[in-house]
C-alpha cells in the first residue's frame, strides 16, 4: 500500500509538470485500489484485536498500523486531487513555480518513502532523522504564493491555473506533514513515545514596546515556558521600558530592568517565522505589506495601556484562554 501511494505521488507530480492527461487519469483511477487496501487493512487490524486482545507492544503495533492505513489513504487522496488539478491546467506552470513543484514533489515522495522504510524496519534512528528534514521546506509555500500572485498580476497565466497550481502545491506540503506523522507513529510503535506537544512562536506588538507588549512577553515566558517562544516589539520603540511597568512587573516576579525595547522594523522580515502576532494597540496591519500565510494575527487592543495593573487585568485571562485553546492546558 505504501509503495502504491509513493508511486501515486510521483505520478501526480509528473502529470502536473508535464500536463500528461493519460498519467493523471491513471493516477486518479489508481486511488480506488488504494482505498480498498485501506479498508482491508483496517478490517485485519480489528480482527486481530478481537481475536488476541493485544497489550503493550502488540497493541501499540496494531494501533499504529490502523493510523498508518488512514494516513496512506489520505496521501492517496492528495495524489488524486493533484492529478485532477493537473488535468485542468490550460498552460504550462510558470518556470519559477514549476521548479518549486518539481523540488517539493521529489522531496515529498522521497521523505514519504523514507518514513515508510523507518516504520517497516522499526528504526527509531531513521524515523528521527527523516522527521527532522520535513521542516526544511516550510518557507517554500510563501515563495510559491508570491510567485503565483506575480503571475496573476502579469496576466501570463490563466486565473484557473493559479488556483489549480496552488491546490497542487498545498497537497505536496500536506504529504510532507503526513510523512512526519508516519515517523511519529514509528516512534510510538517501537518505544511508546508520544507525539511532542506543538509549540508556538509568539510576537506581541504595540506602539512603543515599553509597557504592555514587554509585560506580556515576560509574563508568558514565566507562566507558559513549555508553550513556545515569546518576543515583543513596537513600531515606535523607545530606549527603555516605562518605570511604572518595571515596578509593577516586580510585584509579579518579573524583571524588566534590563529589557531593551525593540523596533518592529527589526523583526519585519521575520514575521513569517511567528505562528501568532498579537496586536495590543490595533495598528500592526498598517505596518505589514502582507500577512504571511502561516501567521495568525490576533487583535487585542487594550484599554488604559498606560496603566500596568489594568493591562495585566485584561491580558491575563485572554492569555489563559489562548493557551487552553492552543495546547488544551490551563495556567497552573
C-alpha atoms as a PDB file:
ATOM      1  CA  UNK A   1       0.000   0.000   0.000  1.00  0.00           C
ATOM      2  CA  UNK A   2       2.854   2.342   0.849  1.00  0.00           C
ATOM      3  CA  UNK A   3       4.586   1.590  -2.419  1.00  0.00           C
ATOM      4  CA  UNK A   4       1.402   2.329  -4.364  1.00  0.00           C
ATOM      5  CA  UNK A   5       0.957   5.643  -2.575  1.00  0.00           C
ATOM      6  CA  UNK A   6       4.570   6.752  -3.145  1.00  0.00           C
ATOM      7  CA  UNK A   7       4.174   5.885  -6.816  1.00  0.00           C
ATOM      8  CA  UNK A   8       0.938   7.884  -6.971  1.00  0.00           C
ATOM      9  CA  UNK A   9       2.665  10.959  -5.525  1.00  0.00           C
ATOM     10  CA  UNK A  10       5.452  10.732  -8.085  1.00  0.00           C
ATOM     11  CA  UNK A  11       2.982  10.241 -10.948  1.00  0.00           C
ATOM     12  CA  UNK A  12       0.778  13.101  -9.775  1.00  0.00           C
ATOM     13  CA  UNK A  13       3.783  15.428  -9.598  1.00  0.00           C
ATOM     14  CA  UNK A  14       4.939  14.397 -13.070  1.00  0.00           C
ATOM     15  CA  UNK A  15       1.478  14.867 -14.565  1.00  0.00           C
ATOM     16  CA  UNK A  16       1.307  18.378 -13.072  1.00  0.00           C
ATOM     17  CA  UNK A  17       4.678  19.319 -14.554  1.00  0.00           C
ATOM     18  CA  UNK A  18       4.104  17.775 -17.979  1.00  0.00           C
ATOM     19  CA  UNK A  19       0.290  18.157 -18.227  1.00  0.00           C
ATOM     20  CA  UNK A  20       0.151  14.462 -19.078  1.00  0.00           C
ATOM     21  CA  UNK A  21      -3.595  13.738 -19.007  1.00  0.00           C
ATOM     22  CA  UNK A  22      -3.170   9.993 -19.501  1.00  0.00           C
ATOM     23  CA  UNK A  23      -0.850   9.743 -16.494  1.00  0.00           C
ATOM     24  CA  UNK A  24      -3.163  11.947 -14.427  1.00  0.00           C
ATOM     25  CA  UNK A  25      -6.141   9.755 -15.303  1.00  0.00           C
ATOM     26  CA  UNK A  26      -4.210   6.610 -14.428  1.00  0.00           C
ATOM     27  CA  UNK A  27      -3.327   8.117 -11.024  1.00  0.00           C
ATOM     28  CA  UNK A  28      -6.939   9.131 -10.354  1.00  0.00           C
ATOM     29  CA  UNK A  29      -8.221   5.627 -11.058  1.00  0.00           C
ATOM     30  CA  UNK A  30      -5.292   4.117  -9.143  1.00  0.00           C
ATOM     31  CA  UNK A  31      -6.654   5.628  -5.938  1.00  0.00           C
ATOM     32  CA  UNK A  32      -9.531   3.115  -5.954  1.00  0.00           C
ATOM     33  CA  UNK A  33      -7.399   0.017  -5.151  1.00  0.00           C
ATOM     34  CA  UNK A  34      -5.536   2.073  -2.510  1.00  0.00           C
ATOM     35  CA  UNK A  35      -8.865   2.779  -0.811  1.00  0.00           C
ATOM     36  CA  UNK A  36      -9.731  -0.924  -0.934  1.00  0.00           C
ATOM     37  CA  UNK A  37      -6.371  -1.816   0.585  1.00  0.00           C
ATOM     38  CA  UNK A  38      -7.014   0.660   3.394  1.00  0.00           C
ATOM     39  CA  UNK A  39     -10.376  -0.911   4.177  1.00  0.00           C
ATOM     40  CA  UNK A  40      -8.849  -4.400   4.124  1.00  0.00           C
ATOM     41  CA  UNK A  41      -6.003  -3.383   6.419  1.00  0.00           C
ATOM     42  CA  UNK A  42      -8.433  -1.726   8.819  1.00  0.00           C
ATOM     43  CA  UNK A  43     -10.528  -4.917   8.842  1.00  0.00           C
ATOM     44  CA  UNK A  44      -7.489  -7.093   9.588  1.00  0.00           C
ATOM     45  CA  UNK A  45      -6.468  -4.838  12.469  1.00  0.00           C
ATOM     46  CA  UNK A  46      -9.924  -5.049  14.048  1.00  0.00           C
ATOM     47  CA  UNK A  47      -9.975  -8.832  13.634  1.00  0.00           C
ATOM     48  CA  UNK A  48      -6.544  -9.059  15.265  1.00  0.00           C
ATOM     49  CA  UNK A  49      -7.713  -7.016  18.256  1.00  0.00           C
ATOM     50  CA  UNK A  50     -10.897  -9.086  18.646  1.00  0.00           C
ATOM     51  CA  UNK A  51      -9.067 -12.425  18.492  1.00  0.00           C
ATOM     52  CA  UNK A  52      -5.944 -11.703  20.518  1.00  0.00           C
ATOM     53  CA  UNK A  53      -6.816  -8.815  22.864  1.00  0.00           C
ATOM     54  CA  UNK A  54      -3.267  -7.459  22.495  1.00  0.00           C
ATOM     55  CA  UNK A  55      -1.483  -5.366  25.100  1.00  0.00           C
ATOM     56  CA  UNK A  56       1.747  -3.381  25.441  1.00  0.00           C
ATOM     57  CA  UNK A  57       3.909  -3.563  22.295  1.00  0.00           C
ATOM     58  CA  UNK A  58       1.432  -5.608  20.256  1.00  0.00           C
ATOM     59  CA  UNK A  59      -1.354  -3.111  20.954  1.00  0.00           C
ATOM     60  CA  UNK A  60       0.906  -0.207  20.002  1.00  0.00           C
ATOM     61  CA  UNK A  61       1.785  -2.012  16.785  1.00  0.00           C
ATOM     62  CA  UNK A  62      -1.766  -2.648  15.655  1.00  0.00           C
ATOM     63  CA  UNK A  63      -2.830   0.835  16.751  1.00  0.00           C
ATOM     64  CA  UNK A  64      -0.038   2.428  14.715  1.00  0.00           C
ATOM     65  CA  UNK A  65      -0.927   0.206  11.730  1.00  0.00           C
ATOM     66  CA  UNK A  66      -4.510   1.467  11.793  1.00  0.00           C
ATOM     67  CA  UNK A  67      -3.333   5.065  11.896  1.00  0.00           C
ATOM     68  CA  UNK A  68      -0.800   4.402   9.158  1.00  0.00           C
ATOM     69  CA  UNK A  69      -3.527   2.945   6.955  1.00  0.00           C
ATOM     70  CA  UNK A  70      -5.612   6.093   7.372  1.00  0.00           C
ATOM     71  CA  UNK A  71      -2.567   8.277   6.661  1.00  0.00           C
ATOM     72  CA  UNK A  72      -1.725   6.428   3.454  1.00  0.00           C
ATOM     73  CA  UNK A  73      -5.323   6.594   2.283  1.00  0.00           C
ATOM     74  CA  UNK A  74      -5.257  10.350   2.829  1.00  0.00           C
ATOM     75  CA  UNK A  75      -1.978  10.731   0.898  1.00  0.00           C
ATOM     76  CA  UNK A  76      -3.534   8.745  -1.938  1.00  0.00           C
ATOM     77  CA  UNK A  77      -6.409  11.233  -1.924  1.00  0.00           C
ATOM     78  CA  UNK A  78      -3.894  14.079  -2.130  1.00  0.00           C
ATOM     79  CA  UNK A  79      -2.287  12.484  -5.192  1.00  0.00           C
ATOM     80  CA  UNK A  80      -5.718  12.089  -6.767  1.00  0.00           C
ATOM     81  CA  UNK A  81      -6.535  15.766  -6.149  1.00  0.00           C
ATOM     82  CA  UNK A  82      -3.198  16.834  -7.649  1.00  0.00           C
ATOM     83  CA  UNK A  83      -3.942  14.767 -10.740  1.00  0.00           C
ATOM     84  CA  UNK A  84      -7.428  16.209 -11.110  1.00  0.00           C
ATOM     85  CA  UNK A  85      -5.968  19.712 -10.804  1.00  0.00           C
ATOM     86  CA  UNK A  86      -3.287  18.985 -13.408  1.00  0.00           C
ATOM     87  CA  UNK A  87      -5.944  17.924 -15.913  1.00  0.00           C
ATOM     88  CA  UNK A  88      -7.472  21.388 -15.534  1.00  0.00           C
ATOM     89  CA  UNK A  89      -4.258  23.237 -16.410  1.00  0.00           C
ATOM     90  CA  UNK A  90      -4.553  25.217 -19.630  1.00  0.00           C
ATOM     91  CA  UNK A  91      -0.907  26.305 -19.834  1.00  0.00           C
ATOM     92  CA  UNK A  92       2.472  25.116 -18.520  1.00  0.00           C
ATOM     93  CA  UNK A  93       3.243  26.356 -14.992  1.00  0.00           C
ATOM     94  CA  UNK A  94       5.441  29.476 -14.671  1.00  0.00           C
ATOM     95  CA  UNK A  95       9.100  28.427 -14.603  1.00  0.00           C
ATOM     96  CA  UNK A  96       9.695  29.525 -11.003  1.00  0.00           C
ATOM     97  CA  UNK A  97       6.619  27.631  -9.786  1.00  0.00           C
ATOM     98  CA  UNK A  98       7.495  24.626 -11.921  1.00  0.00           C
ATOM     99  CA  UNK A  99      10.909  24.404 -10.258  1.00  0.00           C
ATOM    100  CA  UNK A 100       9.352  24.631  -6.792  1.00  0.00           C
ATOM    101  CA  UNK A 101       6.758  21.943  -7.527  1.00  0.00           C
ATOM    102  CA  UNK A 102       9.394  19.653  -9.019  1.00  0.00           C
ATOM    103  CA  UNK A 103      11.595  20.109  -5.950  1.00  0.00           C
ATOM    104  CA  UNK A 104       8.731  19.687  -3.462  1.00  0.00           C
ATOM    105  CA  UNK A 105       7.331  16.690  -5.344  1.00  0.00           C
ATOM    106  CA  UNK A 106      10.689  14.941  -5.232  1.00  0.00           C
ATOM    107  CA  UNK A 107      11.181  15.840  -1.581  1.00  0.00           C
ATOM    108  CA  UNK A 108       7.647  14.733  -0.612  1.00  0.00           C
ATOM    109  CA  UNK A 109       7.919  11.341  -2.357  1.00  0.00           C
ATOM    110  CA  UNK A 110      11.424  10.629  -1.019  1.00  0.00           C
ATOM    111  CA  UNK A 111      10.521  11.650   2.530  1.00  0.00           C
ATOM    112  CA  UNK A 112       7.354   9.571   2.415  1.00  0.00           C
ATOM    113  CA  UNK A 113       9.364   6.582   1.202  1.00  0.00           C
ATOM    114  CA  UNK A 114      11.976   7.013   3.948  1.00  0.00           C
ATOM    115  CA  UNK A 115       9.286   7.316   6.626  1.00  0.00           C
ATOM    116  CA  UNK A 116       7.718   4.044   5.453  1.00  0.00           C
ATOM    117  CA  UNK A 117      11.112   2.324   5.492  1.00  0.00           C
ATOM    118  CA  UNK A 118      11.607   3.527   9.069  1.00  0.00           C
ATOM    119  CA  UNK A 119       8.219   2.087  10.057  1.00  0.00           C
ATOM    120  CA  UNK A 120       8.744  -1.268   8.341  1.00  0.00           C
ATOM    121  CA  UNK A 121      12.284  -1.588   9.763  1.00  0.00           C
ATOM    122  CA  UNK A 122      11.201  -0.438  13.213  1.00  0.00           C
ATOM    123  CA  UNK A 123      14.106   2.014  13.065  1.00  0.00           C
ATOM    124  CA  UNK A 124      13.968   4.766  15.659  1.00  0.00           C
ATOM    125  CA  UNK A 125      17.117   6.409  14.279  1.00  0.00           C
ATOM    126  CA  UNK A 126      15.770   6.533  10.722  1.00  0.00           C
ATOM    127  CA  UNK A 127      12.408   7.858  11.942  1.00  0.00           C
ATOM    128  CA  UNK A 128      14.041  10.689  13.898  1.00  0.00           C
ATOM    129  CA  UNK A 129      16.353  11.603  11.014  1.00  0.00           C
ATOM    130  CA  UNK A 130      13.505  11.660   8.485  1.00  0.00           C
ATOM    131  CA  UNK A 131      11.242  13.705  10.763  1.00  0.00           C
ATOM    132  CA  UNK A 132      13.998  16.288  11.204  1.00  0.00           C
ATOM    133  CA  UNK A 133      14.208  17.147   7.484  1.00  0.00           C
ATOM    134  CA  UNK A 134      10.479  17.757   6.996  1.00  0.00           C
ATOM    135  CA  UNK A 135      10.566  21.340   8.251  1.00  0.00           C
ATOM    136  CA  UNK A 136      13.342  22.452   5.915  1.00  0.00           C
ATOM    137  CA  UNK A 137      10.956  23.496   3.170  1.00  0.00           C
ATOM    138  CA  UNK A 138       8.344  25.408   5.177  1.00  0.00           C
ATOM    139  CA  UNK A 139       9.173  28.809   3.655  1.00  0.00           C
ATOM    140  CA  UNK A 140       8.763  27.496   0.087  1.00  0.00           C
ATOM    141  CA  UNK A 141       4.968  27.736   0.362  1.00  0.00           C
ATOM    142  CA  UNK A 142       5.127  31.516   0.887  1.00  0.00           C
ATOM    143  CA  UNK A 143       7.513  31.824  -2.069  1.00  0.00           C
ATOM    144  CA  UNK A 144       5.180  29.897  -4.372  1.00  0.00           C
ATOM    145  CA  UNK A 145       2.219  32.010  -3.228  1.00  0.00           C
ATOM    146  CA  UNK A 146       4.192  35.153  -4.102  1.00  0.00           C
ATOM    147  CA  UNK A 147       5.192  33.713  -7.491  1.00  0.00           C
ATOM    148  CA  UNK A 148       1.574  32.813  -8.299  1.00  0.00           C
ATOM    149  CA  UNK A 149       0.353  36.283  -7.338  1.00  0.00           C
ATOM    150  CA  UNK A 150       3.018  37.791  -9.596  1.00  0.00           C
ATOM    151  CA  UNK A 151       1.912  35.540 -12.471  1.00  0.00           C
ATOM    152  CA  UNK A 152      -1.707  36.566 -11.901  1.00  0.00           C
ATOM    153  CA  UNK A 153      -0.873  40.270 -11.922  1.00  0.00           C
ATOM    154  CA  UNK A 154       1.190  39.932 -15.090  1.00  0.00           C
ATOM    155  CA  UNK A 155      -1.640  38.151 -16.874  1.00  0.00           C
ATOM    156  CA  UNK A 156       0.726  35.455 -18.114  1.00  0.00           C
ATOM    157  CA  UNK A 157      -1.232  32.628 -16.529  1.00  0.00           C
ATOM    158  CA  UNK A 158      -4.969  31.844 -16.698  1.00  0.00           C
ATOM    159  CA  UNK A 159      -6.650  32.525 -13.361  1.00  0.00           C
ATOM    160  CA  UNK A 160      -7.988  28.970 -13.215  1.00  0.00           C
ATOM    161  CA  UNK A 161      -4.424  27.662 -13.490  1.00  0.00           C
ATOM    162  CA  UNK A 162      -3.328  29.697 -10.482  1.00  0.00           C
ATOM    163  CA  UNK A 163      -5.944  28.027  -8.293  1.00  0.00           C
ATOM    164  CA  UNK A 164      -5.056  24.585  -9.674  1.00  0.00           C
ATOM    165  CA  UNK A 165      -1.336  25.113  -9.057  1.00  0.00           C
ATOM    166  CA  UNK A 166      -1.981  26.315  -5.515  1.00  0.00           C
ATOM    167  CA  UNK A 167      -4.069  23.190  -4.868  1.00  0.00           C
ATOM    168  CA  UNK A 168      -1.231  21.000  -6.180  1.00  0.00           C
ATOM    169  CA  UNK A 169       1.393  22.661  -4.056  1.00  0.00           C
ATOM    170  CA  UNK A 170      -0.825  22.608  -0.974  1.00  0.00           C
ATOM    171  CA  UNK A 171      -1.187  18.823  -1.296  1.00  0.00           C
ATOM    172  CA  UNK A 172       2.564  18.373  -1.637  1.00  0.00           C
ATOM    173  CA  UNK A 173       3.041  20.307   1.578  1.00  0.00           C
ATOM    174  CA  UNK A 174       0.423  18.146   3.304  1.00  0.00           C
ATOM    175  CA  UNK A 175       2.183  14.971   2.113  1.00  0.00           C
ATOM    176  CA  UNK A 176       5.335  16.138   3.887  1.00  0.00           C
ATOM    177  CA  UNK A 177       3.365  16.577   7.097  1.00  0.00           C
ATOM    178  CA  UNK A 178       1.893  13.093   6.707  1.00  0.00           C
ATOM    179  CA  UNK A 179       5.408  11.673   6.303  1.00  0.00           C
ATOM    180  CA  UNK A 180       6.271  13.315   9.607  1.00  0.00           C
ATOM    181  CA  UNK A 181       3.195  11.678  11.153  1.00  0.00           C
ATOM    182  CA  UNK A 182       4.402   8.253   9.956  1.00  0.00           C
ATOM    183  CA  UNK A 183       7.765   8.864  11.644  1.00  0.00           C
ATOM    184  CA  UNK A 184       5.952   9.708  14.868  1.00  0.00           C
ATOM    185  CA  UNK A 185       3.877   6.535  14.579  1.00  0.00           C
ATOM    186  CA  UNK A 186       7.129   4.582  14.224  1.00  0.00           C
ATOM    187  CA  UNK A 187       8.465   6.104  17.439  1.00  0.00           C
ATOM    188  CA  UNK A 188       5.187   5.326  19.205  1.00  0.00           C
ATOM    189  CA  UNK A 189       5.130   1.749  17.913  1.00  0.00           C
ATOM    190  CA  UNK A 190       8.733   0.944  18.848  1.00  0.00           C
ATOM    191  CA  UNK A 191       9.253   2.948  22.033  1.00  0.00           C
ATOM    192  CA  UNK A 192       5.815   4.085  23.191  1.00  0.00           C
ATOM    193  CA  UNK A 193       6.964   7.679  22.725  1.00  0.00           C
ATOM    194  CA  UNK A 194       4.033  10.013  22.171  1.00  0.00           C
ATOM    195  CA  UNK A 195       3.946  12.903  19.733  1.00  0.00           C
ATOM    196  CA  UNK A 196       5.529  16.045  21.114  1.00  0.00           C
ATOM    197  CA  UNK A 197       3.188  18.838  22.125  1.00  0.00           C
ATOM    198  CA  UNK A 198       3.095  21.542  19.477  1.00  0.00           C
ATOM    199  CA  UNK A 199       4.838  24.744  20.488  1.00  0.00           C
ATOM    200  CA  UNK A 200       4.205  28.233  19.170  1.00  0.00           C
ATOM    201  CA  UNK A 201       6.359  31.263  18.373  1.00  0.00           C
ATOM    202  CA  UNK A 202       4.506  34.369  19.568  1.00  0.00           C
ATOM    203  CA  UNK A 203       5.210  38.056  18.975  1.00  0.00           C
ATOM    204  CA  UNK A 204       3.465  40.802  20.987  1.00  0.00           C
ATOM    205  CA  UNK A 205       3.387  44.240  19.352  1.00  0.00           C
ATOM    206  CA  UNK A 206       2.242  47.711  20.335  1.00  0.00           C
ATOM    207  CA  UNK A 207       3.476  51.222  19.650  1.00  0.00           C
ATOM    208  CA  UNK A 208       6.467  51.705  21.988  1.00  0.00           C
ATOM    209  CA  UNK A 209       7.374  48.232  23.331  1.00  0.00           C
ATOM    210  CA  UNK A 210       7.850  49.956  26.675  1.00  0.00           C
ATOM    211  CA  UNK A 211       4.842  48.640  28.569  1.00  0.00           C
ATOM    212  CA  UNK A 212       2.077  46.207  27.602  1.00  0.00           C
ATOM    213  CA  UNK A 213       3.950  44.195  24.967  1.00  0.00           C
ATOM    214  CA  UNK A 214       7.068  43.791  27.116  1.00  0.00           C
ATOM    215  CA  UNK A 215       4.964  42.816  30.145  1.00  0.00           C
ATOM    216  CA  UNK A 216       3.049  40.242  28.059  1.00  0.00           C
ATOM    217  CA  UNK A 217       6.300  38.766  26.709  1.00  0.00           C
ATOM    218  CA  UNK A 218       7.946  38.247  30.092  1.00  0.00           C
ATOM    219  CA  UNK A 219       4.762  37.113  31.810  1.00  0.00           C
ATOM    220  CA  UNK A 220       4.277  34.372  29.188  1.00  0.00           C
ATOM    221  CA  UNK A 221       7.907  33.304  29.476  1.00  0.00           C
ATOM    222  CA  UNK A 222       7.329  32.687  33.168  1.00  0.00           C
ATOM    223  CA  UNK A 223       3.736  31.361  33.102  1.00  0.00           C
ATOM    224  CA  UNK A 224       3.882  29.240  29.922  1.00  0.00           C
ATOM    225  CA  UNK A 225       7.523  28.207  29.392  1.00  0.00           C
ATOM    226  CA  UNK A 226       6.573  24.953  27.630  1.00  0.00           C
ATOM    227  CA  UNK A 227       4.210  26.631  25.173  1.00  0.00           C
ATOM    228  CA  UNK A 228       6.890  28.067  22.904  1.00  0.00           C
ATOM    229  CA  UNK A 229       8.875  31.280  22.480  1.00  0.00           C
ATOM    230  CA  UNK A 230       7.674  34.786  23.304  1.00  0.00           C
ATOM    231  CA  UNK A 231       9.038  38.087  21.987  1.00  0.00           C
ATOM    232  CA  UNK A 232       7.805  41.663  21.653  1.00  0.00           C
ATOM    233  CA  UNK A 233       8.360  44.782  19.542  1.00  0.00           C
ATOM    234  CA  UNK A 234       6.911  48.227  18.840  1.00  0.00           C
ATOM    235  CA  UNK A 235       6.747  50.335  15.697  1.00  0.00           C
ATOM    236  CA  UNK A 236       7.828  53.470  17.631  1.00  0.00           C
ATOM    237  CA  UNK A 237      10.130  51.739  20.115  1.00  0.00           C
ATOM    238  CA  UNK A 238      11.751  53.850  22.830  1.00  0.00           C
ATOM    239  CA  UNK A 239      15.031  53.375  24.706  1.00  0.00           C
ATOM    240  CA  UNK A 240      13.816  51.574  27.825  1.00  0.00           C
ATOM    241  CA  UNK A 241      10.594  50.280  29.457  1.00  0.00           C
ATOM    242  CA  UNK A 242       8.336  52.647  31.398  1.00  0.00           C
ATOM    243  CA  UNK A 243       9.282  52.912  35.060  1.00  0.00           C
ATOM    244  CA  UNK A 244       5.757  52.120  36.281  1.00  0.00           C
ATOM    245  CA  UNK A 245       5.720  48.889  34.256  1.00  0.00           C
ATOM    246  CA  UNK A 246       9.100  47.935  35.695  1.00  0.00           C
ATOM    247  CA  UNK A 247       7.779  48.490  39.217  1.00  0.00           C
ATOM    248  CA  UNK A 248       4.544  46.611  38.554  1.00  0.00           C
ATOM    249  CA  UNK A 249       6.446  43.704  36.971  1.00  0.00           C
ATOM    250  CA  UNK A 250       8.371  43.381  40.247  1.00  0.00           C
ATOM    251  CA  UNK A 251       5.094  42.502  42.007  1.00  0.00           C
ATOM    252  CA  UNK A 252       4.632  39.639  39.533  1.00  0.00           C
ATOM    253  CA  UNK A 253       8.158  38.355  39.999  1.00  0.00           C
ATOM    254  CA  UNK A 254       9.243  39.686  36.596  1.00  0.00           C
ATOM    255  CA  UNK A 255      12.337  41.782  35.948  1.00  0.00           C
ATOM    256  CA  UNK A 256      12.023  44.316  33.121  1.00  0.00           C
ATOM    257  CA  UNK A 257      15.006  46.447  34.143  1.00  0.00           C
ATOM    258  CA  UNK A 258      17.395  45.118  31.514  1.00  0.00           C
ATOM    259  CA  UNK A 259      14.804  44.881  28.746  1.00  0.00           C
ATOM    260  CA  UNK A 260      15.743  46.767  25.576  1.00  0.00           C
ATOM    261  CA  UNK A 261      12.632  47.733  23.577  1.00  0.00           C
ATOM    262  CA  UNK A 262      12.869  46.506  20.005  1.00  0.00           C
ATOM    263  CA  UNK A 263      11.667  48.195  16.850  1.00  0.00           C
ATOM    264  CA  UNK A 264       9.097  46.353  14.753  1.00  0.00           C
ATOM    265  CA  UNK A 265      11.319  47.115  11.750  1.00  0.00           C
ATOM    266  CA  UNK A 266      13.904  44.712  13.181  1.00  0.00           C
ATOM    267  CA  UNK A 267      11.504  41.775  13.025  1.00  0.00           C
ATOM    268  CA  UNK A 268       9.539  42.791   9.939  1.00  0.00           C
ATOM    269  CA  UNK A 269      11.417  40.447   7.609  1.00  0.00           C
ATOM    270  CA  UNK A 270      10.991  37.556  10.074  1.00  0.00           C
ATOM    271  CA  UNK A 271       7.252  37.923  10.717  1.00  0.00           C
ATOM    272  CA  UNK A 272       6.616  34.716   8.765  1.00  0.00           C
ATOM    273  CA  UNK A 273       8.593  32.829  11.436  1.00  0.00           C
ATOM    274  CA  UNK A 274       5.935  33.589  14.063  1.00  0.00           C
ATOM    275  CA  UNK A 275       2.829  31.438  14.468  1.00  0.00           C
ATOM    276  CA  UNK A 276       0.972  34.259  16.227  1.00  0.00           C
ATOM    277  CA  UNK A 277       1.357  38.031  16.195  1.00  0.00           C
ATOM    278  CA  UNK A 278      -0.726  39.582  18.979  1.00  0.00           C
ATOM    279  CA  UNK A 279      -1.500  43.245  18.338  1.00  0.00           C
ATOM    280  CA  UNK A 280      -2.109  45.099  21.620  1.00  0.00           C
ATOM    281  CA  UNK A 281      -2.535  48.541  20.067  1.00  0.00           C
ATOM    282  CA  UNK A 282      -4.606  47.872  16.947  1.00  0.00           C
ATOM    283  CA  UNK A 283      -2.143  49.123  14.339  1.00  0.00           C
ATOM    284  CA  UNK A 284       0.065  46.260  13.216  1.00  0.00           C
ATOM    285  CA  UNK A 285      -1.681  45.680   9.883  1.00  0.00           C
ATOM    286  CA  UNK A 286      -0.638  49.171   8.767  1.00  0.00           C
ATOM    287  CA  UNK A 287       2.976  48.075   9.109  1.00  0.00           C
ATOM    288  CA  UNK A 288       2.640  44.790   7.191  1.00  0.00           C
ATOM    289  CA  UNK A 289       2.590  44.699   3.405  1.00  0.00           C
ATOM    290  CA  UNK A 290       1.112  41.214   3.532  1.00  0.00           C
ATOM    291  CA  UNK A 291       0.199  38.798   6.300  1.00  0.00           C
ATOM    292  CA  UNK A 292       2.343  35.643   5.929  1.00  0.00           C
ATOM    293  CA  UNK A 293       0.294  32.592   5.027  1.00  0.00           C
ATOM    294  CA  UNK A 294       1.198  30.620   8.156  1.00  0.00           C
ATOM    295  CA  UNK A 295       0.977  33.524  10.612  1.00  0.00           C
ATOM    296  CA  UNK A 296      -2.182  34.365  12.560  1.00  0.00           C
ATOM    297  CA  UNK A 297      -2.803  37.977  13.587  1.00  0.00           C
ATOM    298  CA  UNK A 298      -4.766  38.430  16.814  1.00  0.00           C
ATOM    299  CA  UNK A 299      -6.096  41.910  17.530  1.00  0.00           C
ATOM    300  CA  UNK A 300      -6.285  42.590  21.275  1.00  0.00           C
ATOM    301  CA  UNK A 301      -6.424  46.403  21.569  1.00  0.00           C
ATOM    302  CA  UNK A 302      -6.122  47.258  25.248  1.00  0.00           C
ATOM    303  CA  UNK A 303      -7.872  49.990  27.157  1.00  0.00           C
ATOM    304  CA  UNK A 304      -5.730  52.056  29.550  1.00  0.00           C
ATOM    305  CA  UNK A 305      -2.468  50.827  28.013  1.00  0.00           C
ATOM    306  CA  UNK A 306      -0.518  53.192  30.273  1.00  0.00           C
ATOM    307  CA  UNK A 307      -1.838  51.539  33.449  1.00  0.00           C
ATOM    308  CA  UNK A 308       0.154  48.324  34.104  1.00  0.00           C
ATOM    309  CA  UNK A 309      -2.412  46.898  36.538  1.00  0.00           C
ATOM    310  CA  UNK A 310      -5.232  47.464  34.034  1.00  0.00           C
ATOM    311  CA  UNK A 311      -3.109  45.954  31.250  1.00  0.00           C
ATOM    312  CA  UNK A 312      -2.385  42.831  33.266  1.00  0.00           C
ATOM    313  CA  UNK A 313      -6.023  42.501  34.332  1.00  0.00           C
ATOM    314  CA  UNK A 314      -7.041  42.435  30.670  1.00  0.00           C
ATOM    315  CA  UNK A 315      -4.204  40.283  29.373  1.00  0.00           C
ATOM    316  CA  UNK A 316      -4.078  37.545  31.993  1.00  0.00           C
ATOM    317  CA  UNK A 317      -7.473  35.902  31.243  1.00  0.00           C
ATOM    318  CA  UNK A 318      -7.022  36.337  27.482  1.00  0.00           C
ATOM    319  CA  UNK A 319      -3.646  34.629  27.587  1.00  0.00           C
ATOM    320  CA  UNK A 320      -5.025  31.834  29.766  1.00  0.00           C
ATOM    321  CA  UNK A 321      -7.870  31.229  27.305  1.00  0.00           C
ATOM    322  CA  UNK A 322      -5.446  31.329  24.375  1.00  0.00           C
ATOM    323  CA  UNK A 323      -3.116  28.747  25.916  1.00  0.00           C
ATOM    324  CA  UNK A 324      -6.016  26.448  26.688  1.00  0.00           C
ATOM    325  CA  UNK A 325      -7.155  26.774  23.061  1.00  0.00           C
ATOM    326  CA  UNK A 326      -3.670  26.191  21.627  1.00  0.00           C
ATOM    327  CA  UNK A 327      -2.492  23.422  23.922  1.00  0.00           C
ATOM    328  CA  UNK A 328      -5.505  22.285  25.915  1.00  0.00           C
ATOM    329  CA  UNK A 329      -3.975  23.340  29.179  1.00  0.00           C
ATOM    330  CA  UNK A 330      -4.754  25.921  31.813  1.00  0.00           C
ATOM    331  CA  UNK A 331      -2.386  28.133  33.759  1.00  0.00           C
ATOM    332  CA  UNK A 332      -1.044  26.442  36.900  1.00  0.00           C
END
